[in-house]
C-alpha atoms as a PDB file:
ATOM      1  CA  MET A   1      43.290 -13.537 -19.503  1.00  0.00           C
ATOM      2  CA  SER A   2      42.314 -15.610 -16.474  1.00  0.00           C
ATOM      3  CA  SER A   3      38.824 -15.417 -14.987  1.00  0.00           C
ATOM      4  CA  LEU A   4      38.293 -12.272 -12.944  1.00  0.00           C
ATOM      5  CA  ASN A   5      38.041 -12.668  -9.176  1.00  0.00           C
ATOM      6  CA  LEU A   6      34.727 -11.143  -8.069  1.00  0.00           C
ATOM      7  CA  SER A   7      36.037 -10.135  -4.644  1.00  0.00           C
ATOM      8  CA  ARG A   8      38.903  -8.216  -6.225  1.00  0.00           C
ATOM      9  CA  LEU A   9      36.488  -6.554  -8.614  1.00  0.00           C
ATOM     10  CA  ARG A  10      34.171  -5.600  -5.740  1.00  0.00           C
ATOM     11  CA  TYR A  11      37.086  -4.162  -3.748  1.00  0.00           C
ATOM     12  CA  PHE A  12      38.170  -2.137  -6.771  1.00  0.00           C
ATOM     13  CA  VAL A  13      34.683  -0.718  -7.393  1.00  0.00           C
ATOM     14  CA  THR A  14      34.421   0.353  -3.743  1.00  0.00           C
ATOM     15  CA  VAL A  15      37.781   2.129  -3.947  1.00  0.00           C
ATOM     16  CA  ALA A  16      36.728   3.700  -7.249  1.00  0.00           C
ATOM     17  CA  ASP A  17      33.539   5.007  -5.610  1.00  0.00           C
ATOM     18  CA  THR A  18      35.348   6.498  -2.603  1.00  0.00           C
ATOM     19  CA  LEU A  19      38.852   7.201  -3.972  1.00  0.00           C
ATOM     20  CA  ASN A  20      39.931   6.504  -0.425  1.00  0.00           C
ATOM     21  CA  PHE A  21      41.354   3.198   0.857  1.00  0.00           C
ATOM     22  CA  ARG A  22      40.417   3.961   4.468  1.00  0.00           C
ATOM     23  CA  GLN A  23      36.766   4.602   3.582  1.00  0.00           C
ATOM     24  CA  ALA A  24      36.703   1.516   1.361  1.00  0.00           C
ATOM     25  CA  SER A  25      38.107  -0.520   4.237  1.00  0.00           C
ATOM     26  CA  GLU A  26      35.324   0.696   6.536  1.00  0.00           C
ATOM     27  CA  ILE A  27      32.606  -0.014   3.951  1.00  0.00           C
ATOM     28  CA  LEU A  28      33.912  -3.498   3.135  1.00  0.00           C
ATOM     29  CA  ASN A  29      35.028  -4.303   6.688  1.00  0.00           C
ATOM     30  CA  VAL A  30      38.320  -5.509   5.205  1.00  0.00           C
ATOM     31  CA  ALA A  31      41.815  -4.372   6.192  1.00  0.00           C
ATOM     32  CA  GLN A  32      43.395  -1.738   3.939  1.00  0.00           C
ATOM     33  CA  PRO A  33      46.470  -3.849   3.068  1.00  0.00           C
ATOM     34  CA  ALA A  34      44.223  -6.703   1.906  1.00  0.00           C
ATOM     35  CA  ILE A  35      42.293  -4.334  -0.347  1.00  0.00           C
ATOM     36  CA  SER A  36      45.507  -2.871  -1.751  1.00  0.00           C
ATOM     37  CA  ARG A  37      46.933  -6.347  -2.468  1.00  0.00           C
ATOM     38  CA  SER A  38      43.705  -7.462  -4.144  1.00  0.00           C
ATOM     39  CA  ILE A  39      43.677  -4.465  -6.473  1.00  0.00           C
ATOM     40  CA  GLN A  40      47.353  -4.970  -7.318  1.00  0.00           C
ATOM     41  CA  MET A  41      46.568  -8.597  -8.184  1.00  0.00           C
ATOM     42  CA  LEU A  42      43.620  -7.454 -10.300  1.00  0.00           C
ATOM     43  CA  GLU A  43      45.914  -5.059 -12.168  1.00  0.00           C
ATOM     44  CA  THR A  44      48.339  -7.942 -12.727  1.00  0.00           C
ATOM     45  CA  ASP A  45      45.528 -10.155 -14.057  1.00  0.00           C
ATOM     46  CA  LEU A  46      44.351  -7.411 -16.408  1.00  0.00           C
ATOM     47  CA  GLY A  47      47.771  -6.222 -17.497  1.00  0.00           C
ATOM     48  CA  PHE A  48      47.181  -2.502 -16.938  1.00  0.00           C
ATOM     49  CA  LYS A  49      46.942   0.023 -14.118  1.00  0.00           C
ATOM     50  CA  LEU A  50      43.589   0.898 -12.610  1.00  0.00           C
ATOM     51  CA  LEU A  51      44.677   3.460 -10.010  1.00  0.00           C
ATOM     52  CA  ASP A  52      47.278   6.183  -9.733  1.00  0.00           C
ATOM     53  CA  ARG A  53      48.357   6.240  -6.094  1.00  0.00           C
ATOM     54  CA  THR A  54      50.323   8.877  -4.192  1.00  0.00           C
ATOM     55  CA  THR A  55      50.803   9.347  -0.461  1.00  0.00           C
ATOM     56  CA  ARG A  56      47.908  11.805  -0.429  1.00  0.00           C
ATOM     57  CA  ARG A  57      45.556  10.926  -3.258  1.00  0.00           C
ATOM     58  CA  VAL A  58      44.069   8.037  -5.204  1.00  0.00           C
ATOM     59  CA  ASN A  59      42.867   8.651  -8.761  1.00  0.00           C
ATOM     60  CA  LEU A  60      41.424   6.382 -11.414  1.00  0.00           C
ATOM     61  CA  THR A  61      43.323   5.918 -14.632  1.00  0.00           C
ATOM     62  CA  VAL A  62      41.327   6.319 -17.839  1.00  0.00           C
ATOM     63  CA  ALA A  63      41.149   2.532 -18.147  1.00  0.00           C
ATOM     64  CA  GLY A  64      40.239   2.233 -14.456  1.00  0.00           C
ATOM     65  CA  ALA A  65      37.356   4.687 -14.799  1.00  0.00           C
ATOM     66  CA  ALA A  66      35.978   2.728 -17.757  1.00  0.00           C
ATOM     67  CA  LEU A  67      36.237  -0.582 -15.894  1.00  0.00           C
ATOM     68  CA  ALA A  68      34.640   0.904 -12.760  1.00  0.00           C
ATOM     69  CA  ASP A  69      31.542   2.020 -14.692  1.00  0.00           C
ATOM     70  CA  ASP A  70      31.010  -1.343 -16.346  1.00  0.00           C
ATOM     71  CA  ALA A  71      31.995  -3.428 -13.303  1.00  0.00           C
ATOM     72  CA  ARG A  72      29.608  -1.520 -11.044  1.00  0.00           C
ATOM     73  CA  GLU A  73      26.702  -2.309 -13.374  1.00  0.00           C
ATOM     74  CA  ALA A  74      27.789  -5.957 -13.744  1.00  0.00           C
ATOM     75  CA  LEU A  75      28.005  -6.447  -9.970  1.00  0.00           C
ATOM     76  CA  GLN A  76      24.577  -4.872  -9.496  1.00  0.00           C
ATOM     77  CA  LEU A  77      23.046  -7.215 -12.058  1.00  0.00           C
ATOM     78  CA  LEU A  78      24.783 -10.234 -10.504  1.00  0.00           C
ATOM     79  CA  GLU A  79      23.523  -9.246  -7.063  1.00  0.00           C
ATOM     80  CA  ARG A  80      20.004  -8.863  -8.452  1.00  0.00           C
ATOM     81  CA  SER A  81      20.169 -12.277 -10.129  1.00  0.00           C
ATOM     82  CA  VAL A  82      21.319 -14.014  -6.945  1.00  0.00           C
ATOM     83  CA  ARG A  83      18.658 -12.271  -4.856  1.00  0.00           C
ATOM     84  CA  HIS A  84      15.950 -13.123  -7.357  1.00  0.00           C
ATOM     85  CA  SER A  85      17.034 -16.788  -7.465  1.00  0.00           C
ATOM     86  CA  ARG A  86      17.140 -16.956  -3.671  1.00  0.00           C
ATOM     87  CA  ARG A  87      13.593 -15.598  -3.411  1.00  0.00           C
ATOM     88  CA  LEU A  88      12.339 -18.121  -5.980  1.00  0.00           C
ATOM     89  CA  ALA A  89      14.107 -20.995  -4.197  1.00  0.00           C
ATOM     90  CA  SER A  90      12.571 -19.996  -0.865  1.00  0.00           C
ATOM     91  CA  GLY A  91       9.072 -19.769  -2.327  1.00  0.00           C
ATOM     92  CA  GLN A  92       8.771 -16.065  -1.561  1.00  0.00           C
ATOM     93  CA  ALA A  93       6.879 -13.622  -3.767  1.00  0.00           C
ATOM     94  CA  GLY A  94       8.528 -12.340  -6.907  1.00  0.00           C
ATOM     95  CA  GLU A  95      10.654  -9.348  -7.702  1.00  0.00           C
ATOM     96  CA  VAL A  96      10.313  -6.542 -10.247  1.00  0.00           C
ATOM     97  CA  ILE A  97      13.586  -5.154 -11.571  1.00  0.00           C
ATOM     98  CA  LEU A  98      13.143  -1.472 -12.408  1.00  0.00           C
ATOM     99  CA  ALA A  99      15.945   0.634 -13.881  1.00  0.00           C
ATOM    100  CA  TYR A 100      15.724   4.408 -13.985  1.00  0.00           C
ATOM    101  CA  SER A 101      17.656   7.205 -15.632  1.00  0.00           C
ATOM    102  CA  ALA A 102      19.094  10.192 -13.784  1.00  0.00           C
ATOM    103  CA  GLN A 103      16.428  12.439 -15.298  1.00  0.00           C
ATOM    104  CA  ALA A 104      13.657  10.164 -14.022  1.00  0.00           C
ATOM    105  CA  ALA A 105      14.999   9.902 -10.474  1.00  0.00           C
ATOM    106  CA  GLN A 106      13.555  13.182  -9.200  1.00  0.00           C
ATOM    107  CA  GLY A 107      10.119  12.782 -10.817  1.00  0.00           C
ATOM    108  CA  PRO A 108       7.161  10.670  -9.688  1.00  0.00           C
ATOM    109  CA  MET A 109       9.173   7.428  -9.534  1.00  0.00           C
ATOM    110  CA  ALA A 110       9.540   7.274  -5.746  1.00  0.00           C
ATOM    111  CA  ASP A 111       5.824   7.798  -5.075  1.00  0.00           C
ATOM    112  CA  LEU A 112       4.804   5.234  -7.692  1.00  0.00           C
ATOM    113  CA  VAL A 113       7.186   2.578  -6.355  1.00  0.00           C
ATOM    114  CA  VAL A 114       6.096   3.182  -2.754  1.00  0.00           C
ATOM    115  CA  GLU A 115       2.420   2.951  -3.719  1.00  0.00           C
ATOM    116  CA  PHE A 116       3.001  -0.284  -5.650  1.00  0.00           C
ATOM    117  CA  ARG A 117       4.890  -1.846  -2.738  1.00  0.00           C
ATOM    118  CA  HIS A 118       2.040  -0.843  -0.415  1.00  0.00           C
ATOM    119  CA  SER A 119      -0.552  -2.469  -2.678  1.00  0.00           C
ATOM    120  CA  HIS A 120       1.627  -5.569  -3.267  1.00  0.00           C
ATOM    121  CA  PRO A 121       3.254  -6.186   0.145  1.00  0.00           C
ATOM    122  CA  GLY A 122       4.824  -9.495  -0.864  1.00  0.00           C
ATOM    123  CA  THR A 123       6.637  -8.024  -3.858  1.00  0.00           C
ATOM    124  CA  ALA A 124      10.156  -6.607  -3.976  1.00  0.00           C
ATOM    125  CA  VAL A 125      10.966  -3.758  -6.356  1.00  0.00           C
ATOM    126  CA  SER A 126      14.709  -3.515  -6.973  1.00  0.00           C
ATOM    127  CA  LEU A 127      15.984  -0.231  -8.389  1.00  0.00           C
ATOM    128  CA  TYR A 128      19.078   0.301 -10.536  1.00  0.00           C
ATOM    129  CA  GLN A 129      20.246   3.555 -12.085  1.00  0.00           C
ATOM    130  CA  MET A 130      21.143   3.273 -15.773  1.00  0.00           C
ATOM    131  CA  SER A 131      21.188   5.678 -18.675  1.00  0.00           C
ATOM    132  CA  SER A 132      18.236   5.449 -21.050  1.00  0.00           C
ATOM    133  CA  ASP A 133      20.411   3.816 -23.720  1.00  0.00           C
ATOM    134  CA  GLU A 134      21.758   1.267 -21.223  1.00  0.00           C
ATOM    135  CA  GLN A 135      18.191   0.450 -20.183  1.00  0.00           C
ATOM    136  CA  SER A 136      17.188  -0.281 -23.776  1.00  0.00           C
ATOM    137  CA  LYS A 137      20.010  -2.825 -24.110  1.00  0.00           C
ATOM    138  CA  ALA A 138      19.238  -4.389 -20.715  1.00  0.00           C
ATOM    139  CA  LEU A 139      15.531  -4.727 -21.571  1.00  0.00           C
ATOM    140  CA  LYS A 140      16.291  -6.504 -24.829  1.00  0.00           C
ATOM    141  CA  ALA A 141      18.705  -8.836 -23.012  1.00  0.00           C
ATOM    142  CA  GLY A 142      16.115  -9.623 -20.340  1.00  0.00           C
ATOM    143  CA  GLN A 143      18.374  -8.260 -17.586  1.00  0.00           C
ATOM    144  CA  ILE A 144      15.712  -5.868 -16.231  1.00  0.00           C
ATOM    145  CA  ASP A 145      11.916  -5.984 -16.284  1.00  0.00           C
ATOM    146  CA  LEU A 146      11.060  -2.321 -16.749  1.00  0.00           C
ATOM    147  CA  GLY A 147      12.872   0.905 -17.530  1.00  0.00           C
ATOM    148  CA  LEU A 148      11.851   4.378 -16.407  1.00  0.00           C
ATOM    149  CA  MET A 149      13.575   6.461 -19.029  1.00  0.00           C
ATOM    150  CA  LEU A 150      13.480   9.332 -21.456  1.00  0.00           C
ATOM    151  CA  SER A 151      10.707   8.483 -23.905  1.00  0.00           C
ATOM    152  CA  ALA A 152      12.924   9.663 -26.759  1.00  0.00           C
ATOM    153  CA  ALA A 153      15.184   6.641 -26.143  1.00  0.00           C
ATOM    154  CA  CYS A 154      12.352   4.131 -26.675  1.00  0.00           C
ATOM    155  CA  ASP A 155      12.538   2.475 -30.098  1.00  0.00           C
ATOM    156  CA  ALA A 156       9.698   0.922 -32.063  1.00  0.00           C
ATOM    157  CA  SER A 157      10.390  -2.602 -30.781  1.00  0.00           C
ATOM    158  CA  MET A 158       9.584  -1.611 -27.193  1.00  0.00           C
ATOM    159  CA  ASN A 159       6.320  -0.987 -25.372  1.00  0.00           C
ATOM    160  CA  HIS A 160       5.927   2.430 -23.766  1.00  0.00           C
ATOM    161  CA  LEU A 161       3.671   4.051 -21.168  1.00  0.00           C
ATOM    162  CA  LEU A 162       3.957   7.818 -20.808  1.00  0.00           C
ATOM    163  CA  VAL A 163       4.394   8.738 -17.134  1.00  0.00           C
ATOM    164  CA  CYS A 164       4.875  12.503 -17.232  1.00  0.00           C
ATOM    165  CA  HIS A 165       5.802  15.605 -19.202  1.00  0.00           C
ATOM    166  CA  GLU A 166       8.824  17.168 -17.504  1.00  0.00           C
ATOM    167  CA  PRO A 167       9.353  20.933 -18.037  1.00  0.00           C
ATOM    168  CA  PHE A 168      12.886  22.174 -18.537  1.00  0.00           C
ATOM    169  CA  VAL A 169      14.324  24.681 -16.103  1.00  0.00           C
ATOM    170  CA  ALA A 170      17.574  26.616 -16.366  1.00  0.00           C
ATOM    171  CA  LEU A 171      20.087  25.769 -13.649  1.00  0.00           C
ATOM    172  CA  VAL A 172      22.330  28.755 -12.969  1.00  0.00           C
ATOM    173  CA  PRO A 173      24.731  29.859 -10.221  1.00  0.00           C
ATOM    174  CA  GLU A 174      23.068  31.846  -7.456  1.00  0.00           C
ATOM    175  CA  SER A 175      25.197  34.864  -8.390  1.00  0.00           C
ATOM    176  CA  HIS A 176      24.130  34.796 -12.054  1.00  0.00           C
ATOM    177  CA  PRO A 177      22.075  37.774 -13.361  1.00  0.00           C
ATOM    178  CA  LEU A 178      19.274  35.373 -14.425  1.00  0.00           C
ATOM    179  CA  ALA A 179      19.077  33.660 -11.018  1.00  0.00           C
ATOM    180  CA  HIS A 180      16.393  35.904  -9.531  1.00  0.00           C
ATOM    181  CA  ARG A 181      14.058  36.077 -12.498  1.00  0.00           C
ATOM    182  CA  ASP A 182      10.562  34.566 -12.254  1.00  0.00           C
ATOM    183  CA  ALA A 183      11.033  32.999 -15.714  1.00  0.00           C
ATOM    184  CA  ILE A 184      13.256  33.368 -18.749  1.00  0.00           C
ATOM    185  CA  ALA A 185      13.037  32.636 -22.463  1.00  0.00           C
ATOM    186  CA  LEU A 186      15.436  30.067 -23.897  1.00  0.00           C
ATOM    187  CA  ARG A 187      16.960  32.642 -26.219  1.00  0.00           C
ATOM    188  CA  GLU A 188      18.343  34.450 -23.155  1.00  0.00           C
ATOM    189  CA  LEU A 189      20.729  31.523 -22.674  1.00  0.00           C
ATOM    190  CA  GLN A 190      22.256  31.975 -26.119  1.00  0.00           C
ATOM    191  CA  GLY A 191      25.962  32.719 -25.914  1.00  0.00           C
ATOM    192  CA  LEU A 192      26.331  31.464 -22.331  1.00  0.00           C
ATOM    193  CA  ASP A 193      28.701  28.661 -21.409  1.00  0.00           C
ATOM    194  CA  PHE A 194      26.873  25.374 -20.779  1.00  0.00           C
ATOM    195  CA  VAL A 195      27.806  22.365 -18.683  1.00  0.00           C
ATOM    196  CA  ALA A 196      26.293  19.031 -19.694  1.00  0.00           C
ATOM    197  CA  GLY A 197      26.514  15.288 -19.208  1.00  0.00           C
ATOM    198  CA  THR A 198      29.044  13.178 -21.067  1.00  0.00           C
ATOM    199  CA  PRO A 199      27.951  11.788 -24.448  1.00  0.00           C
ATOM    200  CA  LYS A 200      28.684   8.220 -23.283  1.00  0.00           C
ATOM    201  CA  ARG A 201      25.946   8.223 -20.626  1.00  0.00           C
ATOM    202  CA  TRP A 202      23.769  11.194 -21.594  1.00  0.00           C
ATOM    203  CA  SER A 203      23.461  10.857 -25.375  1.00  0.00           C
ATOM    204  CA  THR A 204      19.640  10.916 -25.476  1.00  0.00           C
ATOM    205  CA  PHE A 205      19.355  13.824 -23.027  1.00  0.00           C
ATOM    206  CA  LEU A 206      22.013  15.762 -24.965  1.00  0.00           C
ATOM    207  CA  SER A 207      19.935  15.294 -28.117  1.00  0.00           C
ATOM    208  CA  LEU A 208      16.894  16.699 -26.261  1.00  0.00           C
ATOM    209  CA  LEU A 209      18.993  19.607 -24.964  1.00  0.00           C
ATOM    210  CA  ASN A 210      20.194  20.451 -28.458  1.00  0.00           C
ATOM    211  CA  GLU A 211      16.700  20.069 -29.891  1.00  0.00           C
ATOM    212  CA  VAL A 212      15.016  22.401 -27.406  1.00  0.00           C
ATOM    213  CA  CYS A 213      17.743  25.043 -27.768  1.00  0.00           C
ATOM    214  CA  GLN A 214      17.648  24.747 -31.558  1.00  0.00           C
ATOM    215  CA  GLY A 215      13.923  25.473 -31.348  1.00  0.00           C
ATOM    216  CA  ALA A 216      14.907  28.834 -29.835  1.00  0.00           C
ATOM    217  CA  GLY A 217      17.427  29.519 -32.604  1.00  0.00           C
ATOM    218  CA  PHE A 218      20.767  28.390 -31.162  1.00  0.00           C
ATOM    219  CA  LEU A 219      22.846  25.410 -30.090  1.00  0.00           C
ATOM    220  CA  PRO A 220      24.370  25.339 -26.591  1.00  0.00           C
ATOM    221  CA  THR A 221      28.106  25.868 -26.242  1.00  0.00           C
ATOM    222  CA  VAL A 222      29.218  23.081 -23.887  1.00  0.00           C
ATOM    223  CA  VAL A 223      32.473  23.939 -22.093  1.00  0.00           C
ATOM    224  CA  GLU A 224      32.387  21.344 -19.277  1.00  0.00           C
ATOM    225  CA  GLU A 225      31.106  17.764 -19.074  1.00  0.00           C
ATOM    226  CA  ALA A 226      30.069  15.657 -16.081  1.00  0.00           C
ATOM    227  CA  SER A 227      29.428  11.920 -15.807  1.00  0.00           C
ATOM    228  CA  ASP A 228      26.713  12.268 -13.163  1.00  0.00           C
ATOM    229  CA  VAL A 229      24.256  14.770 -11.706  1.00  0.00           C
ATOM    230  CA  PRO A 230      26.165  15.691  -8.490  1.00  0.00           C
ATOM    231  CA  VAL A 231      29.242  16.674 -10.516  1.00  0.00           C
ATOM    232  CA  LEU A 232      27.039  18.613 -12.948  1.00  0.00           C
ATOM    233  CA  ILE A 233      25.467  20.569 -10.086  1.00  0.00           C
ATOM    234  CA  ARG A 234      28.855  21.220  -8.500  1.00  0.00           C
ATOM    235  CA  LEU A 235      30.198  22.683 -11.757  1.00  0.00           C
ATOM    236  CA  ILE A 236      27.236  25.060 -11.913  1.00  0.00           C
ATOM    237  CA  ALA A 237      27.710  26.093  -8.270  1.00  0.00           C
ATOM    238  CA  GLN A 238      31.345  26.877  -9.088  1.00  0.00           C
ATOM    239  CA  GLY A 239      30.218  29.222 -11.867  1.00  0.00           C
ATOM    240  CA  ARG A 240      31.561  27.092 -14.704  1.00  0.00           C
ATOM    241  CA  GLY A 241      28.373  27.417 -16.725  1.00  0.00           C
ATOM    242  CA  VAL A 242      24.597  26.924 -16.875  1.00  0.00           C
ATOM    243  CA  THR A 243      22.441  24.058 -18.119  1.00  0.00           C
ATOM    244  CA  LEU A 244      18.901  22.843 -18.706  1.00  0.00           C
ATOM    245  CA  TYR A 245      17.418  20.053 -16.611  1.00  0.00           C
ATOM    246  CA  GLY A 246      14.056  18.646 -15.571  1.00  0.00           C
ATOM    247  CA  ALA A 247      12.040  20.801 -13.166  1.00  0.00           C
ATOM    248  CA  SER A 248      11.686  17.981 -10.617  1.00  0.00           C
ATOM    249  CA  ILE A 249      15.267  18.539  -9.490  1.00  0.00           C
ATOM    250  CA  THR A 250      14.347  21.979  -8.103  1.00  0.00           C
ATOM    251  CA  THR A 251      13.617  20.825  -4.545  1.00  0.00           C
ATOM    252  CA  MET A 252      16.896  18.888  -4.360  1.00  0.00           C
ATOM    253  CA  LEU A 253      19.301  21.647  -5.380  1.00  0.00           C
ATOM    254  CA  PRO A 254      22.058  22.602  -2.930  1.00  0.00           C
ATOM    255  CA  PRO A 255      22.808  26.187  -1.920  1.00  0.00           C
ATOM    256  CA  GLY A 256      24.515  28.090  -4.710  1.00  0.00           C
ATOM    257  CA  VAL A 257      22.395  26.730  -7.574  1.00  0.00           C
ATOM    258  CA  VAL A 258      19.039  28.176  -8.663  1.00  0.00           C
ATOM    259  CA  ALA A 259      16.394  26.715 -10.995  1.00  0.00           C
ATOM    260  CA  VAL A 260      14.694  29.292 -13.212  1.00  0.00           C
ATOM    261  CA  PRO A 261      11.493  28.313 -15.094  1.00  0.00           C
ATOM    262  CA  ILE A 262      11.541  28.469 -18.908  1.00  0.00           C
ATOM    263  CA  SER A 263       8.677  30.307 -20.614  1.00  0.00           C
ATOM    264  CA  ASP A 264       8.970  28.614 -24.038  1.00  0.00           C
ATOM    265  CA  ARG A 265       6.048  26.240 -24.568  1.00  0.00           C
ATOM    266  CA  HIS A 266       8.159  23.607 -26.321  1.00  0.00           C
ATOM    267  CA  ALA A 267      10.632  23.386 -23.402  1.00  0.00           C
ATOM    268  CA  PHE A 268       9.742  19.981 -21.970  1.00  0.00           C
ATOM    269  CA  PHE A 269      10.560  16.291 -22.418  1.00  0.00           C
ATOM    270  CA  ASP A 270       8.698  13.041 -21.739  1.00  0.00           C
ATOM    271  CA  ILE A 271       9.496  10.278 -19.269  1.00  0.00           C
ATOM    272  CA  GLY A 272       7.927   6.862 -19.657  1.00  0.00           C
ATOM    273  CA  VAL A 273       8.000   3.266 -18.480  1.00  0.00           C
ATOM    274  CA  VAL A 274       9.351   0.937 -21.167  1.00  0.00           C
ATOM    275  CA  TRP A 275       9.318  -2.851 -21.427  1.00  0.00           C
ATOM    276  CA  ASP A 276       9.881  -5.692 -23.886  1.00  0.00           C
ATOM    277  CA  ASN A 277       6.967  -8.129 -24.224  1.00  0.00           C
ATOM    278  CA  LYS A 278       9.434 -10.917 -25.026  1.00  0.00           C
ATOM    279  CA  HIS A 279      10.859 -10.804 -21.513  1.00  0.00           C
ATOM    280  CA  ILE A 280       8.244  -9.231 -19.241  1.00  0.00           C
ATOM    281  CA  SER A 281       7.127 -11.376 -16.300  1.00  0.00           C
ATOM    282  CA  PRO A 282       3.514 -11.614 -15.080  1.00  0.00           C
ATOM    283  CA  LEU A 283       4.449  -9.616 -11.978  1.00  0.00           C
ATOM    284  CA  ALA A 284       6.085  -6.889 -14.049  1.00  0.00           C
ATOM    285  CA  GLY A 285       2.912  -6.861 -16.146  1.00  0.00           C
ATOM    286  CA  GLU A 286       0.961  -6.185 -12.954  1.00  0.00           C
ATOM    287  CA  PHE A 287       3.296  -3.292 -12.221  1.00  0.00           C
ATOM    288  CA  VAL A 288       2.623  -1.828 -15.680  1.00  0.00           C
ATOM    289  CA  ALA A 289      -1.142  -2.151 -15.152  1.00  0.00           C
ATOM    290  CA  PHE A 290      -0.782  -0.489 -11.744  1.00  0.00           C
ATOM    291  CA  LEU A 291       1.247   2.376 -13.233  1.00  0.00           C
ATOM    292  CA  ASN A 292      -1.309   2.827 -16.001  1.00  0.00           C
ATOM    293  CA  THR A 293      -4.074   3.214 -13.413  1.00  0.00           C
ATOM    294  CA  MET A 294      -2.033   5.567 -11.221  1.00  0.00           C
ATOM    295  CA  VAL A 295      -0.865   7.739 -14.108  1.00  0.00           C
ATOM    296  CA  GLY A 296      -4.439   8.009 -15.394  1.00  0.00           C
ATOM    297  CA  ALA A 297      -5.651   9.036 -11.934  1.00  0.00           C
ATOM    298  CA  ARG A 298      -2.942  11.676 -11.631  1.00  0.00           C
ATOM    299  CA  ARG A 299      -3.792  13.157 -15.018  1.00  0.00           C
ATOM    300  CA  ALA A 300      -7.493  13.258 -14.120  1.00  0.00           C
ATOM    301  CA  ALA A 301      -6.656  15.060 -10.873  1.00  0.00           C
ATOM    302  CA  ASP A 302      -4.599  17.649 -12.782  1.00  0.00           C
ATOM    303  CA  CYS A 303      -7.454  18.471 -15.180  1.00  0.00           C
ATOM    304  CA  PRO A 304      -9.567  21.537 -14.274  1.00  0.00           C
END
């Protein structure tokens, strides 16, 4: 196979994200026919179809969906590498590359990053969403500096700083009988249809989901899977099932979905910052020290 053309790959990822050639054209500022030709040439280079096209719809093939996931991450890492090299060449301050999982996105991450940027005005913090398992691989390869992930995904070779305990809540459709309760016990979810993330990207969180439900005497019956959080929430709003998620998502839920607190004491999971001492930069080390101070201050403030 010949070397992949990065422009063609970027055009394809944009179409994969929008499933709309007109929107992709507007985002890329490139004419639709040029985008279509580039993707056709990419398909020729690869030897298989990436898109199923009709006059009304554009859909990813199974192979196209797999390539889109991996290509999106590869392009993000390439962009980060170029930006980092440019900053070094210009003599500007350094950059911290921080990846975060979907479950960590709604927690304290935003406040911590903003506070670090405020205290280190010459430093850039670049954020990339990755699953916890993907972060572990990227840390070991030196592709990212730090990972904000599910603590359960951190193996013994990594360094870990606990950031927060995240309580589980039940996410249910607004019309569900449990939706207007002040709190529920996990056992009340037994026998209900669950929606959950796909094993490919959510393997660690699925293990936590099974573990917490098993502690209440049952395993969830998953009837629908979603690759990302917006699709997961949409399935719940459509009444396809219920799920468990971190409580921090509560303020970001759309109409039609309700978060109900869980009364079981064991219904929580941990989120932490993880790094590999073999690859951590001095600036990333400063970020860890900053987080350690901030996390300690937050815990002290929470104590009675």
